[in-house]
Protein backbone atom coordinates (compact mmCIF):
# COMPACT_ATOMS: atom_id res chain seq x y z
CA MET A 1 -13.65 3.27 -16.44
CA LEU A 2 -12.46 6.00 -14.03
CA VAL A 3 -15.80 6.01 -12.29
CA TRP A 4 -15.65 2.18 -11.86
CA MET A 5 -12.06 2.46 -10.50
CA LYS A 6 -13.06 5.29 -8.11
CA ARG A 7 -15.97 3.21 -6.82
CA TYR A 8 -14.13 -0.12 -6.51
CA TRP A 9 -10.64 1.05 -5.60
CA PRO A 10 -10.54 -1.00 -2.35
CA LEU A 11 -11.07 -4.23 -4.34
CA LEU A 12 -8.48 -3.18 -6.89
CA LEU A 13 -5.98 -2.39 -4.14
CA LEU A 14 -6.64 -5.72 -2.43
CA LEU A 15 -6.05 -7.64 -5.64
CA THR A 16 -2.92 -5.61 -6.42
CA LEU A 17 -1.43 -6.36 -3.03
CA GLN A 18 -2.37 -10.05 -3.41
CA PHE A 19 -0.61 -10.32 -6.77
CA ALA A 20 2.36 -8.43 -5.37
CA PHE A 21 2.90 -10.93 -2.48
CA ILE A 22 2.11 -13.92 -4.63
CA LEU A 23 4.53 -12.91 -7.42
CA ARG A 24 7.17 -11.66 -4.96
CA PRO A 25 6.94 -13.77 -1.82
CA GLY A 26 10.35 -12.65 -0.78
CA LEU A 27 8.89 -9.24 0.12
CA ASP A 28 8.02 -10.59 3.53
CA ILE A 29 11.52 -11.85 4.32
CA ALA A 30 13.13 -8.64 2.92
CA PHE A 31 10.96 -6.39 5.04
CA SER A 32 11.49 -8.48 8.19
CA ALA A 33 15.22 -8.47 7.54
CA LEU A 34 15.26 -4.65 7.98
CA PHE A 35 14.61 -5.25 11.70
CA TYR A 36 16.86 -8.29 12.15
CA ASP A 37 20.46 -8.58 13.25
CA PRO A 38 22.26 -11.99 13.08
CA VAL A 39 23.78 -11.36 16.56
CA ASP A 40 21.07 -9.57 18.49
CA GLY A 41 18.00 -10.99 16.68
CA PHE A 42 14.96 -8.88 16.00
CA LEU A 43 15.02 -5.23 17.04
CA LEU A 44 12.00 -5.28 19.33
CA ARG A 45 12.13 -8.88 20.43
CA ASP A 46 11.22 -9.09 24.20
CA SER A 47 10.78 -5.30 24.23
CA ILE A 48 8.19 -3.51 26.35
CA ALA A 49 6.41 -2.41 23.12
CA ALA A 50 6.08 -6.00 21.87
CA ARG A 51 4.91 -7.25 25.30
CA LEU A 52 2.41 -4.40 25.55
CA VAL A 53 0.95 -5.22 22.14
CA GLU A 54 0.72 -8.93 22.90
CA THR A 55 -0.84 -8.42 26.33
CA THR A 56 -3.35 -5.81 25.17
CA SER A 57 -4.54 -7.89 22.18
CA SER A 58 -4.88 -11.05 24.29
CA LEU A 59 -7.00 -9.18 26.88
CA LEU A 60 -8.92 -6.83 24.62
CA GLY A 61 -10.07 -9.38 22.05
CA PRO A 62 -11.95 -11.71 24.43
CA ALA A 63 -13.31 -8.76 26.44
CA LEU A 64 -14.87 -6.80 23.47
CA LEU A 65 -17.55 -9.36 22.47
CA PRO A 66 -18.93 -9.85 25.99
CA LEU A 67 -18.97 -6.15 26.55
CA LEU A 68 -20.84 -5.50 23.29
CA ALA A 69 -23.20 -8.40 24.02
CA TRP A 70 -23.98 -6.89 27.45
CA LEU A 71 -24.70 -3.49 25.84
CA LEU A 72 -27.01 -5.17 23.32
CA LEU A 73 -28.93 -6.88 26.10
CA ALA A 74 -29.16 -3.56 27.96
CA SER A 75 -30.42 -1.87 24.76
CA LEU A 76 -33.52 -4.09 24.86
CA TYR A 77 -34.88 -1.83 27.62
CA TRP A 78 -34.39 1.25 25.50
CA ARG A 79 -37.88 2.03 24.23
CA ARG A 80 -37.60 5.50 22.76
CA LYS A 81 -37.63 5.83 18.98
CA GLY A 82 -34.33 7.74 18.86
CA GLU A 83 -32.57 4.77 20.44
CA VAL A 84 -33.38 2.38 17.60
CA LEU A 85 -30.40 3.63 15.49
CA LEU A 86 -28.08 3.43 18.50
CA ARG A 87 -29.09 -0.21 18.97
CA ARG A 88 -28.32 -0.91 15.28
CA LYS A 89 -24.90 0.67 15.73
CA LEU A 90 -24.21 -1.61 18.62
CA TRP A 91 -25.16 -4.56 16.46
CA PHE A 92 -22.88 -3.18 13.82
CA LEU A 93 -19.94 -3.07 16.14
CA PHE A 94 -20.69 -6.53 17.48
CA VAL A 95 -20.84 -8.03 13.99
CA VAL A 96 -17.64 -6.34 12.84
CA VAL A 97 -15.64 -7.47 15.89
CA ALA A 98 -17.09 -10.96 15.75
CA LEU A 99 -16.39 -11.43 12.03
CA ALA A 100 -12.99 -9.79 11.72
CA PRO A 101 -10.64 -9.90 14.75
CA MET A 102 -12.46 -12.98 16.18
CA MET A 103 -13.75 -15.29 13.51
CA ALA A 104 -11.61 -14.42 10.45
CA ALA A 105 -8.33 -14.10 12.31
CA SER A 106 -8.96 -17.32 14.26
CA LEU A 107 -9.87 -19.32 11.13
CA LEU A 108 -6.86 -18.04 9.13
CA GLN A 109 -4.39 -18.57 11.99
CA ALA A 110 -5.68 -22.09 12.52
CA ASN A 111 -5.47 -23.05 8.85
CA SER A 112 -2.64 -21.07 7.24
CA GLY A 113 0.17 -23.30 8.61
CA ARG A 114 2.46 -20.34 8.40
CA ALA A 115 5.36 -20.13 10.92
CA HIS A 116 6.27 -16.83 12.52
CA PRO A 117 9.31 -14.92 11.22
CA GLN A 118 11.33 -15.65 14.35
CA ASP A 119 10.85 -19.38 13.80
CA ILE A 120 11.95 -19.66 10.18
CA GLN A 121 15.37 -20.64 8.86
CA ALA A 122 16.03 -17.23 7.35
CA PHE A 123 16.13 -15.79 10.89
CA ALA A 124 17.95 -18.61 12.72
CA GLY A 125 14.83 -20.66 13.26
CA SER A 126 14.17 -24.31 12.32
CA GLN A 127 11.04 -24.00 10.25
CA GLN A 128 10.45 -23.21 6.58
CA PHE A 129 9.01 -19.99 5.20
CA THR A 130 5.43 -20.16 3.88
CA PRO A 131 4.52 -17.45 1.41
CA ALA A 132 1.31 -15.51 1.86
CA PHE A 133 -1.83 -17.15 0.46
CA GLN A 134 -0.15 -20.56 0.35
CA SER A 135 -1.08 -23.37 2.62
CA GLY A 136 1.77 -24.54 4.90
CA ASN A 137 2.37 -27.24 7.46
CA GLN A 138 4.91 -25.43 9.68
CA CYS A 139 2.33 -24.40 12.31
CA SER A 140 -0.83 -25.92 13.69
CA THR A 141 -2.38 -23.26 15.93
CA HIS A 142 -1.82 -19.54 16.48
CA CYS A 143 0.03 -19.29 13.20
CA SER A 144 1.45 -16.08 11.67
CA PHE A 145 -1.23 -15.25 9.05
CA ILE A 146 -2.97 -12.98 9.88
CA SER A 147 -2.07 -10.64 12.85
CA ARG A 148 -4.95 -10.52 15.30
CA ALA A 149 -3.47 -7.60 17.13
CA ALA A 150 -3.25 -5.53 13.97
CA THR A 151 -6.78 -6.54 13.01
CA LEU A 152 -8.00 -5.33 16.39
CA GLY A 153 -6.27 -1.95 15.75
CA PHE A 154 -7.79 -1.71 12.27
CA ALA A 155 -11.24 -2.39 13.81
CA LEU A 156 -11.30 1.18 15.02
CA ILE A 157 -12.36 2.10 11.47
CA ALA A 158 -15.83 0.76 12.46
CA LEU A 159 -16.29 3.97 14.49
CA ALA A 160 -16.36 5.81 11.22
CA TRP A 161 -19.65 4.21 10.43
CA THR A 162 -21.13 4.40 13.91
CA LEU A 163 -20.04 7.98 14.72
CA ALA A 164 -20.33 9.22 11.08
CA GLN A 165 -16.79 10.65 11.31
CA ARG A 166 -14.36 9.73 8.49
CA HIS A 167 -11.26 10.55 10.51
CA TRP A 168 -11.68 7.22 12.31
CA ILE A 169 -10.64 5.56 9.10
CA VAL A 170 -7.22 7.31 9.40
CA ILE A 171 -7.06 6.55 13.20
CA GLY A 172 -7.79 2.86 12.64
CA LEU A 173 -5.27 2.57 9.80
CA CYS A 174 -2.57 4.29 11.90
CA VAL A 175 -3.26 2.22 15.06
CA GLY A 176 -3.36 -1.09 13.14
CA ALA A 177 -0.17 -0.21 11.14
CA THR A 178 1.67 0.84 14.23
CA VAL A 179 0.72 -2.26 16.13
CA GLY A 180 1.66 -4.38 13.10
CA LEU A 181 4.98 -2.60 12.68
CA VAL A 182 5.88 -3.38 16.29
CA GLN A 183 5.12 -7.06 15.66
CA VAL A 184 7.20 -7.15 12.46
CA ALA A 185 10.10 -5.54 14.32
CA ALA A 186 9.68 -8.12 17.09
CA GLY A 187 9.70 -11.03 14.61
CA THR A 188 6.24 -12.27 15.58
CA HIS A 189 4.54 -11.40 12.26
CA PHE A 190 5.32 -10.72 8.56
CA VAL A 191 4.31 -7.45 6.96
CA SER A 192 1.75 -9.33 4.89
CA ASP A 193 0.18 -10.66 8.05
CA VAL A 194 -0.46 -7.00 9.01
CA VAL A 195 -1.49 -5.68 5.59
CA PHE A 196 -4.08 -8.38 5.02
CA GLY A 197 -5.38 -8.07 8.53
CA PHE A 198 -7.14 -4.83 7.40
CA TRP A 199 -9.28 -6.36 4.71
CA PRO A 200 -11.46 -8.68 6.91
CA VAL A 201 -12.29 -5.62 9.00
CA TYR A 202 -13.13 -3.46 6.00
CA GLY A 203 -15.19 -6.22 4.47
CA ALA A 204 -17.05 -6.80 7.71
CA CYS A 205 -17.82 -3.01 7.92
CA LEU A 206 -19.28 -2.97 4.42
CA VAL A 207 -21.43 -6.05 5.00
CA ALA A 208 -22.60 -4.94 8.41
CA GLY A 209 -23.26 -1.43 7.26
CA TRP A 210 -25.38 -2.61 4.42
CA LEU A 211 -27.33 -5.07 6.58
CA LEU A 212 -27.75 -3.05 9.78
CA LEU A 213 -27.31 0.65 8.86
CA GLY A 214 -28.93 0.59 5.45
CA THR A 215 -25.78 1.54 3.53
CA HIS A 216 -22.23 0.38 3.13
CA ARG A 217 -21.03 4.00 2.93
CA ILE A 218 -20.25 6.26 5.86
CA ASP A 219 -23.36 8.40 6.19
CA MET A 220 -22.25 11.81 7.41
CA ALA A 221 -25.87 12.88 7.82
CA ARG A 222 -26.68 10.06 10.27
CA ARG A 223 -25.58 10.41 13.85
């Protein structure tokens, strides 16, 4: 049992977090309320930090895929045997970015129907709160669930597989969490939008690692 839990702890953690937000949907509102004042609104609303996060994510997201695609095309001219693994790593990064921050985030934001915190009645807005993992009708495009910016930050964990350095897991978690915290404090996303922005990235890394690198684990012996 302990061996199974050690091997599949990410899945157990995901299920635990899902049950927590399903059983206690008010967690989102309670956490956002920590950064909200009835008079001044959200703590970081219209702040430099919030604008920086929004601008960076809106520019970085669309630029990453063309850049990686260009590198993949350039790699077709790499003929030496030692460059084969490098080409696979580029494919790995391309797939992770395409699946998580791009495809998964876009699909969820287009179909969740979840209004942003600053727009719901609990925070002086006009729309109703939609709990995580429930379909809503308060938003049609660019909805709250999940945070694309946080997902882009979490995507840095992909470098742990390509560079065979586990500390990129910590860096990616810290960057994604920091970006997400700024968005929560600005009223643009709920904490669950941030938390569950990590799992599409992690899942994409496991799938792409298994298909392109030959293992879903971080291979410290492979550079």
